[in-house]
Amino acid sequence: MNPIREHDILLTRRQLFGRAATGIGAAALGSLLNPGLTSLGAAPDPSGLYPLKSTHHRAKAKRIIYLFMAGGPSQIDLFDPKPMLDKYHQQELPASVRMGQRLTTMTSGQASFPVARSIFSFKPHGRSGTMVSELMPHTAGIVDDIAMIRTLNTEAINHDPAITFIQTGFQQPGRPCTGAWLSYGLGAANENLPAFIVMISSGKEADQPLYTRLWSSGFLPSEHQGVQFRGTGDPVLFLSNPPGVDPAARRRVLDGLNRLNQKQYEAFGDPEISTRIAQYEMGFRMQTSVPELTDVSQEPRSTLDLYGPDVKRPGSFAYNCLLARRMAERGVRFIQLYHRGWDQHGALPRRLKEQCGDTDQPSAALVKDLKQRGMLEDTLVVWGGEFGRTVYSQGKIEKDNYGRDHHGRCYSIWMAGGGVRPGMVYGETDDYCYNIVRDPVHIHDMNATMLHSLGIDHTRLTYRFQGRDFRLTDIHGEVVKGILA
C-alpha cells in the first residue's frame, strides 16, 4: 500500500487535531522555564495564552484592587445626598419618576411606594467639598484622592444576574470575569503568585451567596481563573505538604506527574493538560510565597492601626485589605475583595451602620497606605456593588426605620489612583435619586475604563469561542474620559 495513503487511514480525527496542537504544550512548558516569555512587553508568546505583547496605549495602572460590596450599598444614605427628600418623605413616589420601571418581586406587589429620606447627615469634605454621609468618616478623609461616580447604571435587578453582569459583561453565567480577562491579556507579573486572587469577608448579616463561577475563567484557558484565599486554615487548600512529605519528595512527585502529563499531551493535544502542568508548578512555588505573603506580623504598628482593630483577624475585611496591599507590592495583577451583607431590605439604618463599621476604615486605609508607599498612582482601586437601593421604602416606614429594594437605574461607586482624576464627583441624579440627569455611566463603560487604565483597548482584547470573538464589554462600552486624569 502507498505509505502516504496508509498514514491517512491510520491518522484519526482526534490524533490530527491533537498533534496539530502539541506546540501549545511545549510553549506552556517553555514559559515555566523562562517566565520572561509571558511578561508584558517581552518576547512573543508562541502559545497564544497571553495575547498582548504590549499594551495598546501607555498604561497608567499596573494592577487593580476591586473592593466589591456584594448586596447593593444604599447610595442615598452614603454618597448621593438628596435634601429634597425631607419634603417628599412618606409621600408616594410619582409615577412620572418611576416611569413603569421593572420591580423585583419583593416590592412589585406593594400597594404604595412611600419615599424614605435618609436619616443620616451629609457634610462637605476635603478641598473638593465632596458630600459624604456621617457613616463614612474615613472615606470622607480621602475624598481628594478619589473620583466619586454617582451615575453608574445596570439593567439587572436581582443579585445573581447583577453581580454576574458587572463581573463578566453578561447576565447569564458562563463568561470570563474581569480578573480572568486581565490574566489572559497581560499574564502574571510574579511567577510565584497567581495573576488573579480572590478574598471574601462577610458582615454580621450576610444572606446572599457568592458562587465560585464569579471568578471563573469561563471559556478562557482555565489557568486564568481566580485563586481564592481562605480566611481560616491554609490560605489555599492543599497547599501544605501532608505529614511525612518534605519539599524534595514533593518535587520528585511533581516531576513524575509532569512527565506523565507531557506524554498524555503528546498523545491527545488537550491544552488543559498544559494548564495542569502550569498549575502544579505554581502550587509548588506558592508553598514558599504564600506563607510569607500572609504573615502580617512584621507590619509596623502604625500600619496595623491604620487599617483598624480587625486587621489581625484573618478573614476580616480589614485583614483582606492589608493583604491586598501586600499582593499589589508583589505584582498580583487583579485582586478582588468581596464583602457580603449590603442587602438591606429592612432595618437599613442599623444594618448599614454595621456594614460601614466593617469596611469604611479599611477601604480608606488601603488608599492611604498605597499613597504613602508611592503605589496609588499605578494601582486602580475600585469600591462599589452590583446596584444601589430605591428611594422608596420596602414596606412601611416606622419612625426612623426603613428598608430599600434593589435599584439599578443609578447608584454610586468610587475609584482612586491608576490614572483617575482625584477629588471629583462625576454625574448627577434627580431629586429622588431615581433617574440620571447628567453623565450616565453604564457598567460596560466602567469596565472599559478599568481596562483603559491598564493600557488595554477593550474592543481589542478578544477571544474566539464557538465562532465568535468575545470580550469583557460584549459589543458595548465607552471609556469614561471625564474621570481620567
Protein backbone atom coordinates (compact mmCIF):
# COMPACT_ATOMS: atom_id res chain seq x y z
CA MET A 1 0.00 0.00 0.00
CA ASN A 2 1.07 3.56 -0.66
CA PRO A 3 2.67 4.71 2.66
CA ILE A 4 1.08 8.15 2.42
CA ARG A 5 -2.36 6.59 1.92
CA GLU A 6 -1.70 4.23 4.85
CA HIS A 7 -0.85 7.24 7.05
CA ASP A 8 -4.11 8.96 6.07
CA ILE A 9 -6.10 5.89 7.08
CA LEU A 10 -4.36 5.43 10.44
CA LEU A 11 -4.45 9.09 11.50
CA THR A 12 -7.73 9.56 13.34
CA ARG A 13 -9.54 12.89 13.57
CA ARG A 14 -8.63 13.17 17.28
CA GLN A 15 -4.96 12.48 16.53
CA LEU A 16 -4.97 15.06 13.75
CA PHE A 17 -6.30 17.83 15.97
CA GLY A 18 -4.23 16.65 18.91
CA ARG A 19 -0.93 16.61 17.05
CA ALA A 20 -1.68 19.94 15.42
CA ALA A 21 -1.98 21.50 18.86
CA THR A 22 1.09 19.97 20.55
CA GLY A 23 3.03 23.19 20.13
CA ILE A 24 0.85 24.76 22.81
CA GLY A 25 2.04 22.33 25.48
CA ALA A 26 5.67 22.85 24.58
CA ALA A 27 5.22 26.60 24.68
CA ALA A 28 3.46 26.43 28.06
CA LEU A 29 6.27 24.31 29.50
CA GLY A 30 8.77 26.72 27.98
CA SER A 31 7.06 29.63 29.69
CA LEU A 32 7.61 27.88 33.05
CA LEU A 33 11.32 27.51 32.33
CA ASN A 34 11.58 31.09 31.03
CA PRO A 35 8.92 33.23 32.76
CA GLY A 36 10.03 36.30 30.86
CA LEU A 37 8.25 34.99 27.81
CA THR A 38 4.86 35.71 29.37
CA SER A 39 5.59 39.11 30.87
CA LEU A 40 4.04 42.15 29.29
CA GLY A 41 6.17 43.67 26.54
CA ALA A 42 8.52 40.66 26.43
CA ALA A 43 9.29 38.33 23.57
CA PRO A 44 6.31 36.95 21.61
CA ASP A 45 4.45 34.12 23.29
CA PRO A 46 4.01 31.30 20.74
CA SER A 47 1.33 29.58 22.86
CA GLY A 48 -1.12 32.44 22.39
CA LEU A 49 -2.05 32.18 26.09
CA TYR A 50 -1.17 35.85 26.68
CA PRO A 51 -2.23 37.69 23.52
CA LEU A 52 -0.98 41.21 24.32
CA LYS A 53 2.72 41.57 23.58
CA SER A 54 2.49 45.22 24.61
CA THR A 55 -0.29 47.47 25.79
CA HIS A 56 -2.44 49.31 23.23
CA HIS A 57 -1.51 52.64 24.82
CA ARG A 58 0.54 53.80 27.79
CA ALA A 59 -0.81 52.18 30.93
CA LYS A 60 -1.46 54.33 33.98
CA ALA A 61 -2.13 51.32 36.23
CA LYS A 62 -0.24 48.06 36.65
CA ARG A 63 -2.89 46.37 38.75
CA ILE A 64 -6.45 46.64 40.06
CA ILE A 65 -7.78 46.16 43.59
CA TYR A 66 -11.55 45.78 43.39
CA LEU A 67 -13.45 46.19 46.67
CA PHE A 68 -16.79 44.64 45.78
CA MET A 69 -19.63 45.39 48.20
CA ALA A 70 -21.96 42.46 47.47
CA GLY A 71 -25.64 43.17 48.05
CA GLY A 72 -26.00 46.76 46.86
CA PRO A 73 -24.96 49.66 49.16
CA SER A 74 -27.52 52.45 49.51
CA GLN A 75 -26.17 55.43 47.58
CA ILE A 76 -28.90 57.66 49.07
CA ASP A 77 -27.59 57.03 52.58
CA LEU A 78 -23.87 57.11 51.74
CA PHE A 79 -22.75 59.18 48.75
CA ASP A 80 -25.61 60.95 46.96
CA PRO A 81 -27.42 63.35 49.34
CA LYS A 82 -30.93 64.44 48.41
CA PRO A 83 -32.16 67.26 50.71
CA MET A 84 -35.49 67.49 48.85
CA LEU A 85 -36.40 64.09 50.27
CA ASP A 86 -37.11 65.79 53.59
CA LYS A 87 -40.01 67.49 51.81
CA TYR A 88 -41.13 64.32 49.99
CA HIS A 89 -40.73 61.99 52.98
CA GLN A 90 -43.51 59.37 53.19
CA GLN A 91 -45.22 60.79 50.10
CA GLU A 92 -46.00 58.47 47.21
CA LEU A 93 -43.22 58.23 44.62
CA PRO A 94 -44.68 59.92 41.49
CA ALA A 95 -45.41 57.62 38.58
CA SER A 96 -43.66 60.17 36.35
CA VAL A 97 -40.43 59.40 38.23
CA ARG A 98 -40.77 55.61 38.33
CA MET A 99 -41.85 55.51 34.66
CA GLY A 100 -43.03 51.90 34.82
CA GLN A 101 -39.68 50.53 35.91
CA ARG A 102 -39.49 46.76 36.29
CA LEU A 103 -39.51 45.91 40.00
CA THR A 104 -38.35 42.93 41.98
CA THR A 105 -40.93 40.51 43.35
CA MET A 106 -40.19 41.88 46.81
CA THR A 107 -41.88 45.22 46.12
CA SER A 108 -43.86 44.70 42.91
CA GLY A 109 -46.91 43.79 44.98
CA GLN A 110 -46.80 46.82 47.26
CA ALA A 111 -49.91 48.96 47.22
CA SER A 112 -47.85 52.14 47.64
CA PHE A 113 -44.27 53.33 47.27
CA PRO A 114 -43.56 55.79 50.12
CA VAL A 115 -40.45 57.93 49.74
CA ALA A 116 -37.94 57.39 52.55
CA ARG A 117 -35.49 60.19 53.27
CA SER A 118 -32.11 59.28 54.70
CA ILE A 119 -31.82 59.73 58.45
CA PHE A 120 -28.06 60.26 58.14
CA SER A 121 -26.46 63.67 57.76
CA PHE A 122 -24.08 64.70 54.97
CA LYS A 123 -21.26 67.25 55.06
CA PRO A 124 -18.74 68.52 52.50
CA HIS A 125 -15.19 67.24 52.92
CA GLY A 126 -11.74 68.00 51.57
CA ARG A 127 -10.70 70.69 49.17
CA SER A 128 -13.17 69.25 46.67
CA GLY A 129 -16.11 69.70 49.04
CA THR A 130 -17.44 66.24 48.19
CA MET A 131 -20.54 65.37 50.22
CA VAL A 132 -20.25 62.16 52.23
CA SER A 133 -22.51 60.57 54.84
CA GLU A 134 -21.67 60.56 58.54
CA LEU A 135 -21.50 56.75 58.21
CA MET A 136 -18.27 57.05 56.18
CA PRO A 137 -15.92 59.33 58.18
CA HIS A 138 -12.76 57.60 56.96
CA THR A 139 -13.83 57.68 53.31
CA ALA A 140 -14.64 61.36 53.86
CA GLY A 141 -10.97 61.80 54.72
CA ILE A 142 -9.80 60.57 51.30
CA VAL A 143 -12.29 62.37 49.04
CA ASP A 144 -9.49 64.40 47.47
CA ASP A 145 -7.90 61.14 46.31
CA ILE A 146 -10.99 59.56 44.76
CA ALA A 147 -13.39 60.09 41.89
CA MET A 148 -17.00 59.65 43.01
CA ILE A 149 -19.26 58.36 40.23
CA ARG A 150 -22.95 58.84 41.03
CA THR A 151 -24.48 57.63 37.78
CA LEU A 152 -23.46 54.02 37.37
CA ASN A 153 -26.36 52.02 35.96
CA THR A 154 -27.30 48.45 35.06
CA GLU A 155 -30.29 46.60 33.62
CA ALA A 156 -30.15 43.77 36.19
CA ILE A 157 -32.44 43.98 39.22
CA ASN A 158 -31.61 40.79 41.14
CA HIS A 159 -28.36 39.89 42.86
CA ASP A 160 -27.02 36.95 40.92
CA PRO A 161 -27.58 38.29 37.40
CA ALA A 162 -26.45 41.75 38.54
CA ILE A 163 -23.17 40.53 40.03
CA THR A 164 -22.62 38.23 37.06
CA PHE A 165 -23.29 41.15 34.70
CA ILE A 166 -20.87 43.62 36.28
CA GLN A 167 -18.18 40.95 36.68
CA THR A 168 -18.45 39.31 33.24
CA GLY A 169 -20.37 41.70 30.97
CA PHE A 170 -23.31 39.31 30.66
CA GLN A 171 -26.21 38.46 32.97
CA GLN A 172 -26.09 34.71 32.34
CA PRO A 173 -23.27 32.55 33.74
CA GLY A 174 -20.50 31.12 31.60
CA ARG A 175 -18.33 34.04 30.52
CA PRO A 176 -14.92 35.00 31.90
CA CYS A 177 -14.78 37.57 34.69
CA THR A 178 -12.71 40.76 34.69
CA GLY A 179 -9.77 39.24 36.54
CA ALA A 180 -9.61 36.30 34.14
CA TRP A 181 -9.59 38.68 31.16
CA LEU A 182 -6.66 40.59 32.67
CA SER A 183 -4.77 37.40 33.48
CA TYR A 184 -5.35 36.23 29.92
CA GLY A 185 -4.36 39.53 28.35
CA LEU A 186 -1.40 40.56 30.47
CA GLY A 187 -0.22 37.42 32.26
CA ALA A 188 1.33 37.36 35.72
CA ALA A 189 3.95 39.81 36.94
CA ASN A 190 5.19 37.40 39.65
CA GLU A 191 5.96 33.78 38.77
CA ASN A 192 5.41 32.73 42.40
CA LEU A 193 1.86 34.06 42.78
CA PRO A 194 -1.29 33.86 40.63
CA ALA A 195 -2.22 36.81 38.44
CA PHE A 196 -5.74 36.84 39.92
CA ILE A 197 -6.58 36.37 43.62
CA VAL A 198 -9.98 36.48 45.37
CA MET A 199 -10.78 37.00 49.07
CA ILE A 200 -14.21 37.01 50.75
CA SER A 201 -15.40 38.55 54.00
CA SER A 202 -18.86 38.95 55.48
CA GLY A 203 -20.81 41.39 57.60
CA LYS A 204 -22.94 40.36 60.55
CA GLU A 205 -25.90 39.53 58.28
CA ALA A 206 -24.57 38.06 55.04
CA ASP A 207 -27.54 36.43 53.34
CA GLN A 208 -26.52 36.46 49.67
CA PRO A 209 -24.40 33.60 48.29
CA LEU A 210 -21.33 34.15 46.14
CA TYR A 211 -20.62 31.42 43.60
CA THR A 212 -17.11 30.40 42.53
CA ARG A 213 -18.07 30.95 38.91
CA LEU A 214 -17.86 34.71 39.64
CA TRP A 215 -14.07 34.32 39.48
CA SER A 216 -14.14 31.67 36.77
CA SER A 217 -12.19 31.82 33.52
CA GLY A 218 -15.31 30.83 31.57
CA PHE A 219 -14.24 29.73 28.11
CA LEU A 220 -10.72 31.14 28.53
CA PRO A 221 -7.97 28.63 29.40
CA SER A 222 -8.58 27.54 32.99
CA GLU A 223 -5.21 28.78 34.27
CA HIS A 224 -6.74 32.29 34.20
CA GLN A 225 -9.42 31.62 36.83
CA GLY A 226 -9.09 33.36 40.19
CA VAL A 227 -7.42 31.63 43.10
CA GLN A 228 -9.44 32.03 46.29
CA PHE A 229 -7.56 32.74 49.51
CA ARG A 230 -9.48 31.49 52.55
CA GLY A 231 -9.87 33.31 55.84
CA THR A 232 -9.29 30.26 58.06
CA GLY A 233 -6.79 27.43 57.93
CA ASP A 234 -4.42 27.24 55.00
CA PRO A 235 -4.99 30.27 52.73
CA VAL A 236 -5.13 27.91 49.74
CA LEU A 237 -6.46 24.36 50.02
CA PHE A 238 -3.94 21.52 49.69
CA LEU A 239 -1.01 23.93 49.54
CA SER A 240 0.79 22.44 52.56
CA ASN A 241 2.60 19.14 52.27
CA PRO A 242 0.87 16.25 54.07
CA PRO A 243 2.63 14.73 57.09
CA GLY A 244 5.76 12.83 56.12
CA VAL A 245 6.24 14.62 52.79
CA ASP A 246 9.09 17.11 52.53
CA PRO A 247 9.72 19.63 49.69
CA ALA A 248 12.25 17.33 48.00
CA ALA A 249 9.74 14.47 47.90
CA ARG A 250 7.05 16.83 46.64
CA ARG A 251 9.42 17.96 43.86
CA ARG A 252 10.07 14.35 42.79
CA VAL A 253 6.33 13.63 42.69
CA LEU A 254 5.67 16.72 40.58
CA ASP A 255 8.47 15.85 38.17
CA GLY A 256 6.93 12.41 37.71
CA LEU A 257 3.45 13.88 37.22
CA ASN A 258 4.77 16.36 34.70
CA ARG A 259 6.38 13.61 32.65
CA LEU A 260 3.12 11.63 32.67
CA ASN A 261 1.10 14.71 31.74
CA GLN A 262 3.52 15.53 28.94
CA LYS A 263 3.06 12.03 27.49
CA GLN A 264 -0.71 12.50 27.66
CA TYR A 265 -0.37 15.83 25.94
CA GLU A 266 1.73 14.39 23.15
CA ALA A 267 -0.93 11.73 22.64
CA PHE A 268 -4.06 13.89 22.75
CA GLY A 269 -3.01 17.53 22.44
CA ASP A 270 -5.52 18.72 25.04
CA PRO A 271 -4.44 22.27 26.07
CA GLU A 272 -5.94 21.70 29.55
CA ILE A 273 -3.11 19.23 30.18
CA SER A 274 -0.56 22.02 29.76
CA THR A 275 -2.68 24.12 32.12
CA ARG A 276 -2.50 21.29 34.66
CA ILE A 277 1.31 21.25 34.40
CA ALA A 278 1.44 25.01 34.95
CA GLN A 279 -0.91 24.83 37.95
CA TYR A 280 1.11 22.09 39.65
CA GLU A 281 4.25 24.17 39.24
CA MET A 282 2.53 27.30 40.53
CA GLY A 283 1.27 25.37 43.56
CA PHE A 284 4.81 24.23 44.34
CA ARG A 285 6.17 27.78 44.18
CA MET A 286 3.24 29.10 46.26
CA GLN A 287 4.26 26.83 49.13
CA THR A 288 7.02 29.33 49.84
CA SER A 289 5.49 32.58 48.60
CA VAL A 290 2.03 32.36 50.24
CA PRO A 291 3.12 31.91 53.89
CA GLU A 292 5.41 34.92 53.54
CA LEU A 293 2.64 36.94 51.88
CA THR A 294 0.03 36.22 54.55
CA ASP A 295 2.32 36.82 57.55
CA VAL A 296 1.43 40.36 58.64
CA SER A 297 3.34 40.13 61.93
CA GLN A 298 6.21 42.21 60.55
CA GLU A 299 3.97 45.11 59.55
CA PRO A 300 4.69 48.19 61.70
CA ARG A 301 2.20 49.13 64.40
CA SER A 302 1.36 52.36 62.56
CA THR A 303 0.21 50.37 59.51
CA LEU A 304 -1.88 47.96 61.56
CA ASP A 305 -3.52 50.85 63.39
CA LEU A 306 -4.31 52.49 60.05
CA TYR A 307 -6.48 49.53 59.00
CA GLY A 308 -8.32 49.30 62.30
CA PRO A 309 -8.86 46.80 65.13
CA ASP A 310 -9.96 43.88 62.90
CA VAL A 311 -6.76 43.83 60.86
CA LYS A 312 -5.21 40.94 62.81
CA ARG A 313 -8.29 38.74 62.41
CA PRO A 314 -7.80 36.51 59.34
CA GLY A 315 -10.82 36.63 57.06
CA SER A 316 -11.94 40.10 58.13
CA PHE A 317 -12.31 42.84 55.55
CA ALA A 318 -9.53 44.84 57.24
CA TYR A 319 -7.15 41.87 57.09
CA ASN A 320 -8.02 41.28 53.44
CA CYS A 321 -7.38 44.95 52.59
CA LEU A 322 -3.92 44.74 54.13
CA LEU A 323 -3.24 41.50 52.24
CA ALA A 324 -4.40 43.24 49.05
CA ARG A 325 -1.72 45.88 49.52
CA ARG A 326 0.90 43.18 50.12
CA MET A 327 -0.28 41.34 46.99
CA ALA A 328 -0.08 44.55 44.99
CA GLU A 329 3.52 45.02 46.16
CA ARG A 330 4.33 41.53 44.92
CA GLY A 331 2.88 42.04 41.45
CA VAL A 332 -0.54 40.36 41.60
CA ARG A 333 -2.44 41.73 38.60
CA PHE A 334 -6.06 41.66 39.83
CA ILE A 335 -7.10 41.45 43.48
CA GLN A 336 -10.81 41.02 44.15
CA LEU A 337 -12.23 41.50 47.64
CA TYR A 338 -15.87 40.62 48.18
CA HIS A 339 -17.64 41.82 51.33
CA ARG A 340 -21.12 40.39 51.80
CA GLY A 341 -24.07 41.82 53.71
CA TRP A 342 -25.20 45.02 51.94
CA ASP A 343 -28.71 43.78 51.10
CA GLN A 344 -30.76 45.92 53.49
CA HIS A 345 -34.42 45.30 52.62
CA GLY A 346 -35.33 46.04 56.22
CA ALA A 347 -33.74 47.61 59.32
CA LEU A 348 -31.47 49.56 56.98
CA PRO A 349 -30.27 52.20 59.47
CA ARG A 350 -28.90 49.59 61.88
CA ARG A 351 -27.55 47.15 59.30
CA LEU A 352 -25.98 49.82 57.10
CA LYS A 353 -24.18 51.29 60.09
CA GLU A 354 -22.74 47.85 60.88
CA GLN A 355 -21.54 47.36 57.30
CA CYS A 356 -19.86 50.76 57.23
CA GLY A 357 -18.21 49.98 60.55
CA ASP A 358 -16.65 46.88 58.96
CA THR A 359 -15.50 48.49 55.72
CA ASP A 360 -15.08 52.27 55.94
CA GLN A 361 -11.76 52.45 57.78
CA PRO A 362 -10.02 49.57 55.92
CA SER A 363 -11.10 50.90 52.50
CA ALA A 364 -9.73 54.37 53.25
CA ALA A 365 -6.63 52.87 54.86
CA LEU A 366 -5.85 50.92 51.70
CA VAL A 367 -5.87 54.13 49.64
CA LYS A 368 -3.74 55.96 52.22
CA ASP A 369 -1.30 53.05 52.53
CA LEU A 370 -0.84 52.79 48.77
CA LYS A 371 -0.39 56.54 48.50
CA GLN A 372 2.26 56.81 51.20
CA ARG A 373 4.21 54.00 49.51
CA GLY A 374 4.05 55.69 46.10
CA MET A 375 1.85 52.89 44.71
CA LEU A 376 -1.51 54.63 44.31
CA GLU A 377 -0.53 56.24 41.02
CA ASP A 378 -0.13 52.84 39.36
CA THR A 379 -2.82 50.94 41.29
CA LEU A 380 -6.50 51.38 40.42
CA VAL A 381 -8.75 50.91 43.46
CA VAL A 382 -12.48 50.43 42.82
CA TRP A 383 -15.21 50.43 45.52
CA GLY A 384 -18.84 49.54 44.72
CA GLY A 385 -21.57 46.93 44.39
CA GLU A 386 -23.82 45.40 41.74
CA PHE A 387 -26.57 48.04 42.07
CA GLY A 388 -27.94 50.62 44.53
CA ARG A 389 -31.16 50.96 46.54
CA THR A 390 -34.55 52.52 45.89
CA VAL A 391 -35.68 55.87 47.24
CA TYR A 392 -38.98 54.31 48.27
CA SER A 393 -39.22 52.07 51.30
CA GLN A 394 -39.80 48.37 51.11
CA GLY A 395 -42.81 48.05 53.39
CA LYS A 396 -43.92 50.71 55.84
CA ILE A 397 -41.70 53.42 57.29
CA GLU A 398 -41.81 53.16 61.07
CA LYS A 399 -40.25 56.18 62.80
CA ASP A 400 -36.63 56.16 61.61
CA ASN A 401 -36.67 52.57 60.45
CA TYR A 402 -36.96 51.66 56.77
CA GLY A 403 -35.66 49.29 54.12
CA ARG A 404 -34.85 49.76 50.45
CA ASP A 405 -35.21 47.46 47.46
CA HIS A 406 -32.73 46.96 44.59
CA HIS A 407 -32.20 49.86 42.22
CA GLY A 408 -30.08 49.71 39.08
CA ARG A 409 -31.05 52.93 37.30
CA CYS A 410 -28.46 54.98 39.18
CA TYR A 411 -26.03 54.29 42.00
CA SER A 412 -22.64 55.38 43.33
CA ILE A 413 -19.16 53.91 43.29
CA TRP A 414 -15.72 55.43 43.69
CA MET A 415 -12.34 54.91 42.07
CA ALA A 416 -8.87 56.00 43.13
CA GLY A 417 -5.39 56.01 41.60
CA GLY A 418 -4.42 54.38 38.32
CA GLY A 419 -4.91 57.46 36.15
CA VAL A 420 -8.27 58.51 37.62
CA ARG A 421 -8.84 62.21 38.34
CA PRO A 422 -8.83 62.67 42.11
CA GLY A 423 -11.16 64.93 44.09
CA MET A 424 -14.09 64.97 41.72
CA VAL A 425 -17.75 63.98 41.51
CA TYR A 426 -18.97 62.67 38.16
CA GLY A 427 -22.60 62.58 37.07
CA GLU A 428 -25.85 63.83 38.57
CA THR A 429 -29.11 62.17 39.56
CA ASP A 430 -32.57 63.70 40.04
CA ASP A 431 -34.03 64.95 43.35
CA TYR A 432 -35.34 61.44 44.10
CA CYS A 433 -32.02 59.74 43.28
CA TYR A 434 -34.08 57.60 40.92
CA ASN A 435 -33.02 58.64 37.41
CA ILE A 436 -29.87 60.08 35.84
CA VAL A 437 -29.86 63.75 34.90
CA ARG A 438 -26.33 64.06 33.51
CA ASP A 439 -23.36 61.88 32.50
CA PRO A 440 -24.61 58.28 32.73
CA VAL A 441 -22.02 55.53 33.19
CA HIS A 442 -23.09 52.02 32.25
CA ILE A 443 -21.25 49.09 33.78
CA HIS A 444 -19.81 48.32 30.32
CA ASP A 445 -18.38 51.85 30.36
CA MET A 446 -16.86 51.26 33.79
CA ASN A 447 -15.24 48.00 32.67
CA ALA A 448 -13.93 49.68 29.52
CA THR A 449 -12.42 52.42 31.68
CA MET A 450 -10.79 49.92 34.03
CA LEU A 451 -9.15 48.15 31.09
CA HIS A 452 -8.11 51.52 29.64
CA SER A 453 -6.23 52.32 32.86
CA LEU A 454 -4.12 49.20 32.30
CA GLY A 455 -3.34 50.24 28.74
CA ILE A 456 -5.92 47.98 27.10
CA ASP A 457 -8.38 48.93 24.38
CA HIS A 458 -11.44 46.96 25.48
CA THR A 459 -12.51 46.38 21.87
CA ARG A 460 -9.22 44.63 21.06
CA LEU A 461 -8.89 42.20 23.96
CA THR A 462 -10.92 39.35 22.49
CA TYR A 463 -11.13 35.57 22.49
CA ARG A 464 -12.70 33.47 19.75
CA PHE A 465 -15.19 30.95 21.09
CA GLN A 466 -17.82 28.99 19.16
CA GLY A 467 -17.21 31.05 16.04
CA ARG A 468 -17.45 34.49 17.63
CA ASP A 469 -14.96 36.97 19.09
CA PHE A 470 -15.95 37.69 22.71
CA ARG A 471 -14.77 40.48 25.00
CA LEU A 472 -15.47 41.71 28.54
CA THR A 473 -17.69 44.57 27.32
CA ASP A 474 -19.62 42.38 24.86
CA ILE A 475 -20.43 44.77 21.95
CA HIS A 476 -20.84 47.87 24.12
CA GLY A 477 -18.87 50.24 26.32
CA GLU A 478 -17.19 53.64 26.06
CA VAL A 479 -14.23 54.84 28.12
CA VAL A 480 -15.40 57.48 30.63
CA LYS A 481 -12.87 60.14 29.72
CA GLY A 482 -14.36 62.64 32.14
CA ILE A 483 -12.91 60.82 35.15
CA LEU A 484 -9.42 60.34 33.70
CA ALA A 485 -6.51 62.50 34.82
